[in-house]
Amino acid sequence: MTSFPSTQIHLAARPNGWPTHDDFETVTIENGPLQPGQVPLSRAGAGAGPS
């Protein structure tokens, strides 16, 4: 299997008050090929509360 991209959202600056779009940046990284026995996973969103 070849490498595949992953999109991450990074905190670019600590918010002063309510966060704005300028406090975050979107970064795309290239992941290496999967090793035998590994499977690709996807997460649509993250939350801090109970599901």
N, C-alpha and C. Protein backbone atom coordinates (compact mmCIF):
# COMPACT_ATOMS: atom_id res chain seq x y z
N MET A 1 0.85 -1.18 0.00
CA MET A 1 0.00 0.00 0.00
C MET A 1 0.89 1.24 0.00
N THR A 2 0.47 2.27 -0.68
CA THR A 2 1.24 3.51 -0.76
C THR A 2 0.93 4.41 0.43
N SER A 3 1.64 5.52 0.51
CA SER A 3 1.38 6.46 1.59
C SER A 3 0.06 7.19 1.33
N PHE A 4 -0.45 7.83 2.38
CA PHE A 4 -1.74 8.52 2.25
C PHE A 4 -1.71 9.80 3.08
N PRO A 5 -2.43 10.84 2.64
CA PRO A 5 -2.43 12.11 3.36
C PRO A 5 -3.36 12.08 4.57
N SER A 6 -3.07 12.93 5.54
CA SER A 6 -3.89 13.09 6.72
C SER A 6 -4.01 14.59 7.00
N THR A 7 -5.22 15.06 7.24
CA THR A 7 -5.44 16.47 7.54
C THR A 7 -5.61 16.63 9.05
N GLN A 8 -4.86 17.58 9.62
CA GLN A 8 -4.90 17.84 11.05
C GLN A 8 -5.20 19.32 11.27
N ILE A 9 -5.83 19.62 12.40
CA ILE A 9 -6.07 21.01 12.79
C ILE A 9 -5.19 21.28 14.00
N HIS A 10 -4.29 22.26 13.86
CA HIS A 10 -3.34 22.62 14.91
C HIS A 10 -3.73 23.95 15.54
N LEU A 11 -3.42 24.09 16.82
CA LEU A 11 -3.60 25.36 17.50
C LEU A 11 -2.41 26.24 17.12
N ALA A 12 -2.65 27.32 16.40
CA ALA A 12 -1.59 28.21 15.92
C ALA A 12 -1.22 29.25 16.97
N ALA A 13 -2.18 29.69 17.75
CA ALA A 13 -1.94 30.69 18.79
C ALA A 13 -2.93 30.48 19.92
N ARG A 14 -2.48 30.74 21.14
CA ARG A 14 -3.37 30.61 22.29
C ARG A 14 -4.41 31.74 22.22
N PRO A 15 -5.69 31.38 22.25
CA PRO A 15 -6.74 32.40 22.16
C PRO A 15 -6.71 33.36 23.35
N ASN A 16 -7.00 34.61 23.07
CA ASN A 16 -7.18 35.60 24.11
C ASN A 16 -8.67 35.92 24.12
N GLY A 17 -9.43 35.26 24.97
CA GLY A 17 -10.90 35.35 24.93
C GLY A 17 -11.43 34.20 24.08
N TRP A 18 -12.51 34.46 23.35
CA TRP A 18 -13.09 33.43 22.49
C TRP A 18 -12.16 33.13 21.32
N PRO A 19 -11.98 31.85 20.98
CA PRO A 19 -11.10 31.52 19.85
C PRO A 19 -11.71 31.98 18.53
N THR A 20 -10.82 32.31 17.59
CA THR A 20 -11.24 32.70 16.25
C THR A 20 -10.54 31.77 15.26
N HIS A 21 -10.90 31.87 13.99
CA HIS A 21 -10.27 31.04 12.95
C HIS A 21 -8.78 31.29 12.87
N ASP A 22 -8.34 32.49 13.21
CA ASP A 22 -6.91 32.82 13.15
C ASP A 22 -6.09 32.05 14.19
N ASP A 23 -6.75 31.50 15.22
CA ASP A 23 -6.04 30.76 16.26
C ASP A 23 -5.72 29.33 15.85
N PHE A 24 -6.20 28.89 14.69
CA PHE A 24 -6.01 27.52 14.22
C PHE A 24 -5.43 27.50 12.83
N GLU A 25 -4.77 26.40 12.48
CA GLU A 25 -4.28 26.21 11.13
C GLU A 25 -4.52 24.77 10.70
N THR A 26 -4.82 24.57 9.43
CA THR A 26 -5.02 23.24 8.88
C THR A 26 -3.72 22.79 8.25
N VAL A 27 -3.27 21.59 8.64
CA VAL A 27 -2.01 21.04 8.17
C VAL A 27 -2.28 19.68 7.53
N THR A 28 -1.73 19.46 6.34
CA THR A 28 -1.83 18.16 5.68
C THR A 28 -0.47 17.50 5.73
N ILE A 29 -0.44 16.28 6.29
CA ILE A 29 0.81 15.53 6.36
C ILE A 29 0.68 14.26 5.54
N GLU A 30 1.80 13.71 5.14
CA GLU A 30 1.82 12.47 4.35
C GLU A 30 2.26 11.34 5.28
N ASN A 31 1.37 10.37 5.48
CA ASN A 31 1.68 9.21 6.31
C ASN A 31 2.39 8.16 5.47
N GLY A 32 3.28 7.44 6.09
CA GLY A 32 3.98 6.36 5.40
C GLY A 32 3.07 5.18 5.14
N PRO A 33 3.56 4.20 4.41
CA PRO A 33 2.73 3.02 4.13
C PRO A 33 2.43 2.24 5.41
N LEU A 34 1.29 1.59 5.42
CA LEU A 34 0.89 0.78 6.57
C LEU A 34 1.77 -0.46 6.66
N GLN A 35 2.03 -0.87 7.89
CA GLN A 35 2.78 -2.09 8.13
C GLN A 35 1.82 -3.28 8.12
N PRO A 36 2.31 -4.49 7.92
CA PRO A 36 1.43 -5.66 7.95
C PRO A 36 0.64 -5.72 9.26
N GLY A 37 -0.66 -5.94 9.15
CA GLY A 37 -1.52 -6.03 10.32
C GLY A 37 -2.14 -4.70 10.71
N GLN A 38 -1.74 -3.58 10.10
CA GLN A 38 -2.31 -2.28 10.39
C GLN A 38 -3.45 -1.97 9.43
N VAL A 39 -4.43 -1.20 9.89
CA VAL A 39 -5.54 -0.78 9.05
C VAL A 39 -5.72 0.72 9.18
N PRO A 40 -6.13 1.41 8.12
CA PRO A 40 -6.37 2.85 8.22
C PRO A 40 -7.67 3.12 8.98
N LEU A 41 -7.67 4.14 9.84
CA LEU A 41 -8.85 4.54 10.60
C LEU A 41 -9.19 5.98 10.27
N SER A 42 -10.45 6.33 10.44
CA SER A 42 -10.90 7.68 10.17
C SER A 42 -11.76 8.14 11.33
N ARG A 43 -11.59 9.40 11.71
CA ARG A 43 -12.44 10.00 12.77
C ARG A 43 -13.05 11.25 12.20
N ALA A 44 -14.38 11.31 12.24
CA ALA A 44 -15.09 12.44 11.64
C ALA A 44 -15.08 13.67 12.54
N GLY A 45 -15.01 13.48 13.84
CA GLY A 45 -15.04 14.64 14.75
C GLY A 45 -14.57 14.22 16.13
N ALA A 46 -14.36 15.20 16.97
CA ALA A 46 -13.93 14.94 18.34
C ALA A 46 -14.77 15.80 19.27
N GLY A 47 -14.96 15.30 20.47
CA GLY A 47 -15.73 16.06 21.44
C GLY A 47 -15.18 15.84 22.84
N ALA A 48 -15.53 16.71 23.74
CA ALA A 48 -15.05 16.61 25.11
C ALA A 48 -16.10 16.02 26.04
N GLY A 49 -17.32 15.90 25.57
CA GLY A 49 -18.40 15.41 26.42
C GLY A 49 -18.65 13.93 26.23
N PRO A 50 -19.46 13.35 27.08
CA PRO A 50 -19.79 11.92 26.92
C PRO A 50 -20.61 11.70 25.66
N SER A 51 -20.44 10.55 25.07
CA SER A 51 -21.17 10.24 23.83
C SER A 51 -22.47 9.54 24.14
